């Protein structure tokens, strides 16, 4: 898999994380805050080999941004 940087969270200082990447497999990779709340995790069905991260609303517009990829 190859990834291309799309955006860092402009509202998160000093590290600029979460970060959004686009892959060459028509998918996204999100570097973000680890979800550790046991009540939230209990509501989800996360199989082995998968996880979840939380990203802020302000990063969502980058999904339709100008990363150079066709997101359709």
PDB file of N, CA and C in Angstrom:
ATOM      1  N   UNK A   1       0.853  -1.170   0.000  1.00  0.00           N
ATOM      2  CA  UNK A   1       0.000   0.000   0.000  1.00  0.00           C
ATOM      3  C   UNK A   1       0.899   1.234   0.000  1.00  0.00           C
ATOM      4  N   UNK A   2       0.513   2.230  -0.776  1.00  0.00           N
ATOM      5  CA  UNK A   2       1.196   3.514  -0.781  1.00  0.00           C
ATOM      6  C   UNK A   2       0.223   4.564  -0.262  1.00  0.00           C
ATOM      7  N   UNK A   3       0.744   5.517   0.502  1.00  0.00           N
ATOM      8  CA  UNK A   3      -0.102   6.574   1.044  1.00  0.00           C
ATOM      9  C   UNK A   3       0.385   7.934   0.555  1.00  0.00           C
ATOM     10  N   UNK A   4      -0.574   8.857   0.481  1.00  0.00           N
ATOM     11  CA  UNK A   4      -0.275  10.248   0.140  1.00  0.00           C
ATOM     12  C   UNK A   4      -0.885  11.137   1.206  1.00  0.00           C
ATOM     13  N   UNK A   5      -0.099  12.051   1.699  1.00  0.00           N
ATOM     14  CA  UNK A   5      -0.561  13.008   2.693  1.00  0.00           C
ATOM     15  C   UNK A   5      -1.680  13.852   2.095  1.00  0.00           C
ATOM     16  N   UNK A   6      -2.761  14.060   2.870  1.00  0.00           N
ATOM     17  CA  UNK A   6      -3.860  14.928   2.457  1.00  0.00           C
ATOM     18  C   UNK A   6      -3.892  16.169   3.338  1.00  0.00           C
ATOM     19  N   UNK A   7      -3.930  15.979   4.657  1.00  0.00           N
ATOM     20  CA  UNK A   7      -4.047  17.138   5.544  1.00  0.00           C
ATOM     21  C   UNK A   7      -3.690  16.782   6.973  1.00  0.00           C
ATOM     22  N   UNK A   8      -3.170  17.778   7.677  1.00  0.00           N
ATOM     23  CA  UNK A   8      -3.037  17.707   9.127  1.00  0.00           C
ATOM     24  C   UNK A   8      -4.097  18.610   9.707  1.00  0.00           C
ATOM     25  N   UNK A   9      -4.575  18.299  10.888  1.00  0.00           N
ATOM     26  CA  UNK A   9      -5.602  19.095  11.551  1.00  0.00           C
ATOM     27  C   UNK A   9      -5.062  20.486  11.843  1.00  0.00           C
ATOM     28  N   UNK A  10      -5.587  21.509  11.171  1.00  0.00           N
ATOM     29  CA  UNK A  10      -5.077  22.857  11.386  1.00  0.00           C
ATOM     30  C   UNK A  10      -5.423  23.432  12.756  1.00  0.00           C
ATOM     31  N   UNK A  11      -6.342  22.801  13.467  1.00  0.00           N
ATOM     32  CA  UNK A  11      -6.739  23.309  14.778  1.00  0.00           C
ATOM     33  C   UNK A  11      -6.080  22.599  15.934  1.00  0.00           C
ATOM     34  N   UNK A  12      -5.150  21.709  15.657  1.00  0.00           N
ATOM     35  CA  UNK A  12      -4.494  20.938  16.706  1.00  0.00           C
ATOM     36  C   UNK A  12      -3.028  21.351  16.782  1.00  0.00           C
ATOM     37  N   UNK A  13      -2.675  22.013  17.846  1.00  0.00           N
ATOM     38  CA  UNK A  13      -1.292  22.478  18.008  1.00  0.00           C
ATOM     39  C   UNK A  13      -0.669  21.833  19.226  1.00  0.00           C
ATOM     40  N   UNK A  14       0.598  21.555  19.250  1.00  0.00           N
ATOM     41  CA  UNK A  14       1.596  21.916  18.254  1.00  0.00           C
ATOM     42  C   UNK A  14       1.833  20.832  17.197  1.00  0.00           C
ATOM     43  N   UNK A  15       1.217  19.665  17.343  1.00  0.00           N
ATOM     44  CA  UNK A  15       1.594  18.537  16.482  1.00  0.00           C
ATOM     45  C   UNK A  15       0.829  18.464  15.171  1.00  0.00           C
ATOM     46  N   UNK A  16      -0.346  19.092  15.082  1.00  0.00           N
ATOM     47  CA  UNK A  16      -1.123  19.023  13.859  1.00  0.00           C
ATOM     48  C   UNK A  16      -1.744  17.659  13.622  1.00  0.00           C
ATOM     49  N   UNK A  17      -1.828  16.852  14.643  1.00  0.00           N
ATOM     50  CA  UNK A  17      -2.476  15.557  14.517  1.00  0.00           C
ATOM     51  C   UNK A  17      -3.899  15.719  15.023  1.00  0.00           C
ATOM     52  N   UNK A  18      -4.877  15.090  14.477  1.00  0.00           N
ATOM     53  CA  UNK A  18      -4.913  13.990  13.534  1.00  0.00           C
ATOM     54  C   UNK A  18      -4.436  14.369  12.125  1.00  0.00           C
ATOM     55  N   UNK A  19      -4.104  13.322  11.371  1.00  0.00           N
ATOM     56  CA  UNK A  19      -3.624  13.484  10.007  1.00  0.00           C
ATOM     57  C   UNK A  19      -4.383  12.535   9.106  1.00  0.00           C
ATOM     58  N   UNK A  20      -4.660  12.989   7.897  1.00  0.00           N
ATOM     59  CA  UNK A  20      -5.439  12.225   6.931  1.00  0.00           C
ATOM     60  C   UNK A  20      -4.564  11.865   5.738  1.00  0.00           C
ATOM     61  N   UNK A  21      -4.627  10.595   5.328  1.00  0.00           N
ATOM     62  CA  UNK A  21      -3.878  10.108   4.179  1.00  0.00           C
ATOM     63  C   UNK A  21      -4.828   9.394   3.218  1.00  0.00           C
ATOM     64  N   UNK A  22      -4.502   9.430   1.940  1.00  0.00           N
ATOM     65  CA  UNK A  22      -5.240   8.697   0.913  1.00  0.00           C
ATOM     66  C   UNK A  22      -4.330   7.572   0.444  1.00  0.00           C
ATOM     67  N   UNK A  23      -4.916   6.393   0.199  1.00  0.00           N
ATOM     68  CA  UNK A  23      -4.107   5.268  -0.254  1.00  0.00           C
ATOM     69  C   UNK A  23      -4.317   5.013  -1.746  1.00  0.00           C
ATOM     70  N   UNK A  24      -3.459   4.200  -2.294  1.00  0.00           N
ATOM     71  CA  UNK A  24      -3.600   3.791  -3.687  1.00  0.00           C
ATOM     72  C   UNK A  24      -4.568   2.613  -3.819  1.00  0.00           C
ATOM     73  N   UNK A  25      -5.245   2.282  -2.716  1.00  0.00           N
ATOM     74  CA  UNK A  25      -6.226   1.192  -2.721  1.00  0.00           C
ATOM     75  C   UNK A  25      -7.648   1.720  -2.543  1.00  0.00           C
ATOM     76  N   UNK A  26      -7.858   2.989  -2.940  1.00  0.00           N
ATOM     77  CA  UNK A  26      -9.178   3.616  -2.808  1.00  0.00           C
ATOM     78  C   UNK A  26      -9.678   3.610  -1.369  1.00  0.00           C
ATOM     79  N   UNK A  27      -8.795   3.975  -0.455  1.00  0.00           N
ATOM     80  CA  UNK A  27      -9.166   4.025   0.954  1.00  0.00           C
ATOM     81  C   UNK A  27      -8.444   5.183   1.628  1.00  0.00           C
ATOM     82  N   UNK A  28      -8.771   5.409   2.886  1.00  0.00           N
ATOM     83  CA  UNK A  28      -8.189   6.473   3.695  1.00  0.00           C
ATOM     84  C   UNK A  28      -7.491   5.873   4.894  1.00  0.00           C
ATOM     85  N   UNK A  29      -6.418   6.476   5.339  1.00  0.00           N
ATOM     86  CA  UNK A  29      -5.774   6.132   6.605  1.00  0.00           C
ATOM     87  C   UNK A  29      -5.844   7.387   7.473  1.00  0.00           C
ATOM     88  N   UNK A  30      -6.328   7.204   8.685  1.00  0.00           N
ATOM     89  CA  UNK A  30      -6.482   8.323   9.604  1.00  0.00           C
ATOM     90  C   UNK A  30      -5.581   8.095  10.807  1.00  0.00           C
ATOM     91  N   UNK A  31      -4.678   9.026  11.028  1.00  0.00           N
ATOM     92  CA  UNK A  31      -3.875   9.038  12.246  1.00  0.00           C
ATOM     93  C   UNK A  31      -4.618   9.942  13.208  1.00  0.00           C
ATOM     94  N   UNK A  32      -5.025   9.412  14.343  1.00  0.00           N
ATOM     95  CA  UNK A  32      -5.830  10.219  15.240  1.00  0.00           C
ATOM     96  C   UNK A  32      -5.732   9.776  16.676  1.00  0.00           C
ATOM     97  N   UNK A  33      -6.663  10.281  17.443  1.00  0.00           N
ATOM     98  CA  UNK A  33      -6.695   9.982  18.870  1.00  0.00           C
ATOM     99  C   UNK A  33      -7.261   8.582  19.088  1.00  0.00           C
ATOM    100  N   UNK A  34      -6.559   7.771  19.845  1.00  0.00           N
ATOM    101  CA  UNK A  34      -7.022   6.420  20.143  1.00  0.00           C
ATOM    102  C   UNK A  34      -8.296   6.477  20.973  1.00  0.00           C
ATOM    103  N   UNK A  35      -9.286   5.718  20.560  1.00  0.00           N
ATOM    104  CA  UNK A  35     -10.542   5.619  21.311  1.00  0.00           C
ATOM    105  C   UNK A  35     -10.320   4.583  22.411  1.00  0.00           C
ATOM    106  N   UNK A  36     -10.391   5.018  23.668  1.00  0.00           N
ATOM    107  CA  UNK A  36     -10.146   4.121  24.803  1.00  0.00           C
ATOM    108  C   UNK A  36     -11.340   3.990  25.736  1.00  0.00           C
ATOM    109  N   UNK A  37     -12.386   4.790  25.520  1.00  0.00           N
ATOM    110  CA  UNK A  37     -13.557   4.770  26.391  1.00  0.00           C
ATOM    111  C   UNK A  37     -14.218   3.392  26.305  1.00  0.00           C
ATOM    112  N   UNK A  38     -14.220   2.622  27.400  1.00  0.00           N
ATOM    113  CA  UNK A  38     -14.756   1.261  27.368  1.00  0.00           C
ATOM    114  C   UNK A  38     -16.234   1.198  26.977  1.00  0.00           C
ATOM    115  N   UNK A  39     -17.015   2.212  27.363  1.00  0.00           N
ATOM    116  CA  UNK A  39     -18.435   2.215  27.004  1.00  0.00           C
ATOM    117  C   UNK A  39     -18.617   2.390  25.502  1.00  0.00           C
ATOM    118  N   UNK A  40     -17.829   3.262  24.905  1.00  0.00           N
ATOM    119  CA  UNK A  40     -17.907   3.466  23.456  1.00  0.00           C
ATOM    120  C   UNK A  40     -17.449   2.201  22.726  1.00  0.00           C
ATOM    121  N   UNK A  41     -16.329   1.642  23.155  1.00  0.00           N
ATOM    122  CA  UNK A  41     -15.816   0.437  22.504  1.00  0.00           C
ATOM    123  C   UNK A  41     -16.792  -0.727  22.635  1.00  0.00           C
ATOM    124  N   UNK A  42     -17.519  -0.803  23.748  1.00  0.00           N
ATOM    125  CA  UNK A  42     -18.500  -1.875  23.948  1.00  0.00           C
ATOM    126  C   UNK A  42     -19.661  -1.757  22.967  1.00  0.00           C
ATOM    127  N   UNK A  43     -19.942  -0.543  22.488  1.00  0.00           N
ATOM    128  CA  UNK A  43     -21.020  -0.330  21.528  1.00  0.00           C
ATOM    129  C   UNK A  43     -20.616  -0.703  20.106  1.00  0.00           C
ATOM    130  N   UNK A  44     -19.334  -0.910  19.879  1.00  0.00           N
ATOM    131  CA  UNK A  44     -18.834  -1.184  18.540  1.00  0.00           C
ATOM    132  C   UNK A  44     -18.471  -2.654  18.406  1.00  0.00           C
ATOM    133  N   UNK A  45     -18.556  -3.163  17.188  1.00  0.00           N
ATOM    134  CA  UNK A  45     -18.158  -4.542  16.895  1.00  0.00           C
ATOM    135  C   UNK A  45     -16.877  -4.478  16.072  1.00  0.00           C
ATOM    136  N   UNK A  46     -15.741  -4.400  16.766  1.00  0.00           N
ATOM    137  CA  UNK A  46     -14.458  -4.238  16.101  1.00  0.00           C
ATOM    138  C   UNK A  46     -13.757  -5.592  16.059  1.00  0.00           C
ATOM    139  N   UNK A  47     -13.660  -6.174  14.861  1.00  0.00           N
ATOM    140  CA  UNK A  47     -13.010  -7.481  14.758  1.00  0.00           C
ATOM    141  C   UNK A  47     -11.495  -7.383  14.929  1.00  0.00           C
ATOM    142  N   UNK A  48     -10.869  -8.518  15.145  1.00  0.00           N
ATOM    143  CA  UNK A  48      -9.411  -8.584  15.256  1.00  0.00           C
ATOM    144  C   UNK A  48      -8.789  -7.999  13.996  1.00  0.00           C
ATOM    145  N   UNK A  49      -7.713  -7.246  14.175  1.00  0.00           N
ATOM    146  CA  UNK A  49      -7.021  -6.641  13.053  1.00  0.00           C
ATOM    147  C   UNK A  49      -7.565  -5.280  12.657  1.00  0.00           C
ATOM    148  N   UNK A  50      -8.591  -4.794  13.350  1.00  0.00           N
ATOM    149  CA  UNK A  50      -9.163  -3.480  13.075  1.00  0.00           C
ATOM    150  C   UNK A  50      -9.133  -2.643  14.346  1.00  0.00           C
ATOM    151  N   UNK A  51      -9.226  -1.333  14.168  1.00  0.00           N
ATOM    152  CA  UNK A  51      -9.292  -0.419  15.297  1.00  0.00           C
ATOM    153  C   UNK A  51     -10.060   0.814  14.851  1.00  0.00           C
ATOM    154  N   UNK A  52     -10.197   1.769  15.726  1.00  0.00           N
ATOM    155  CA  UNK A  52     -10.865   3.014  15.364  1.00  0.00           C
ATOM    156  C   UNK A  52     -10.086   4.166  15.967  1.00  0.00           C
ATOM    157  N   UNK A  53     -10.157   5.319  15.292  1.00  0.00           N
ATOM    158  CA  UNK A  53      -9.580   6.540  15.832  1.00  0.00           C
ATOM    159  C   UNK A  53     -10.609   7.638  15.707  1.00  0.00           C
ATOM    160  N   UNK A  54     -10.513   8.629  16.563  1.00  0.00           N
ATOM    161  CA  UNK A  54     -11.430   9.759  16.549  1.00  0.00           C
ATOM    162  C   UNK A  54     -10.772  10.931  15.830  1.00  0.00           C
ATOM    163  N   UNK A  55     -11.519  11.568  14.930  1.00  0.00           N
ATOM    164  CA  UNK A  55     -11.026  12.767  14.254  1.00  0.00           C
ATOM    165  C   UNK A  55     -12.030  13.889  14.477  1.00  0.00           C
ATOM    166  N   UNK A  56     -11.576  15.148  14.468  1.00  0.00           N
ATOM    167  CA  UNK A  56     -12.492  16.266  14.689  1.00  0.00           C
ATOM    168  C   UNK A  56     -13.267  16.610  13.415  1.00  0.00           C
ATOM    169  N   UNK A  57     -14.434  17.225  13.581  1.00  0.00           N
ATOM    170  CA  UNK A  57     -15.245  17.666  12.447  1.00  0.00           C
ATOM    171  C   UNK A  57     -14.450  18.536  11.482  1.00  0.00           C
ATOM    172  N   UNK A  58     -13.537  19.347  12.010  1.00  0.00           N
ATOM    173  CA  UNK A  58     -12.816  20.283  11.145  1.00  0.00           C
ATOM    174  C   UNK A  58     -11.918  19.574  10.130  1.00  0.00           C
ATOM    175  N   UNK A  59     -11.668  18.274  10.285  1.00  0.00           N
ATOM    176  CA  UNK A  59     -10.846  17.542   9.332  1.00  0.00           C
ATOM    177  C   UNK A  59     -11.666  16.925   8.208  1.00  0.00           C
ATOM    178  N   UNK A  60     -12.971  16.757   8.418  1.00  0.00           N
ATOM    179  CA  UNK A  60     -13.840  16.110   7.433  1.00  0.00           C
ATOM    180  C   UNK A  60     -13.845  16.805   6.072  1.00  0.00           C
ATOM    181  N   UNK A  61     -13.824  18.138   5.969  1.00  0.00           N
ATOM    182  CA  UNK A  61     -13.819  18.757   4.641  1.00  0.00           C
ATOM    183  C   UNK A  61     -12.653  18.324   3.756  1.00  0.00           C
ATOM    184  N   UNK A  62     -11.569  17.875   4.351  1.00  0.00           N
ATOM    185  CA  UNK A  62     -10.431  17.436   3.562  1.00  0.00           C
ATOM    186  C   UNK A  62     -10.717  16.146   2.797  1.00  0.00           C
ATOM    187  N   UNK A  63     -11.758  15.406   3.189  1.00  0.00           N
ATOM    188  CA  UNK A  63     -12.140  14.209   2.446  1.00  0.00           C
ATOM    189  C   UNK A  63     -12.587  14.571   1.034  1.00  0.00           C
ATOM    190  N   UNK A  64     -13.099  15.779   0.854  1.00  0.00           N
ATOM    191  CA  UNK A  64     -13.526  16.243  -0.461  1.00  0.00           C
ATOM    192  C   UNK A  64     -12.603  17.327  -0.984  1.00  0.00           C
ATOM    193  N   UNK A  65     -11.445  17.443  -0.352  1.00  0.00           N
ATOM    194  CA  UNK A  65     -10.502  18.497  -0.710  1.00  0.00           C
ATOM    195  C   UNK A  65      -9.786  18.230  -2.017  1.00  0.00           C
ATOM    196  N   UNK A  66      -8.747  18.949  -2.242  1.00  0.00           N
ATOM    197  CA  UNK A  66      -8.014  18.854  -3.496  1.00  0.00           C
ATOM    198  C   UNK A  66      -6.721  18.073  -3.321  1.00  0.00           C
ATOM    199  N   UNK A  67      -6.834  16.827  -2.912  1.00  0.00           N
ATOM    200  CA  UNK A  67      -5.651  16.007  -2.676  1.00  0.00           C
ATOM    201  C   UNK A  67      -5.077  15.425  -3.957  1.00  0.00           C
ATOM    202  N   UNK A  68      -5.743  15.660  -5.097  1.00  0.00           N
ATOM    203  CA  UNK A  68      -5.239  15.110  -6.342  1.00  0.00           C
ATOM    204  C   UNK A  68      -5.827  13.748  -6.686  1.00  0.00           C
ATOM    205  N   UNK A  69      -6.669  13.226  -5.813  1.00  0.00           N
ATOM    206  CA  UNK A  69      -7.282  11.928  -6.054  1.00  0.00           C
ATOM    207  C   UNK A  69      -8.741  12.109  -6.458  1.00  0.00           C
ATOM    208  N   UNK A  70      -9.235  11.190  -7.227  1.00  0.00           N
ATOM    209  CA  UNK A  70     -10.671  11.160  -7.559  1.00  0.00           C
ATOM    210  C   UNK A  70     -11.347  10.361  -6.456  1.00  0.00           C
ATOM    211  N   UNK A  71     -12.167  11.005  -5.635  1.00  0.00           N
ATOM    212  CA  UNK A  71     -12.741  10.375  -4.435  1.00  0.00           C
ATOM    213  C   UNK A  71     -14.100   9.751  -4.692  1.00  0.00           C
ATOM    214  N   UNK A  72     -14.492   9.593  -5.941  1.00  0.00           N
ATOM    215  CA  UNK A  72     -15.827   9.053  -6.209  1.00  0.00           C
ATOM    216  C   UNK A  72     -15.892   7.575  -6.051  1.00  0.00           C
TER     217      UNK A  72
END
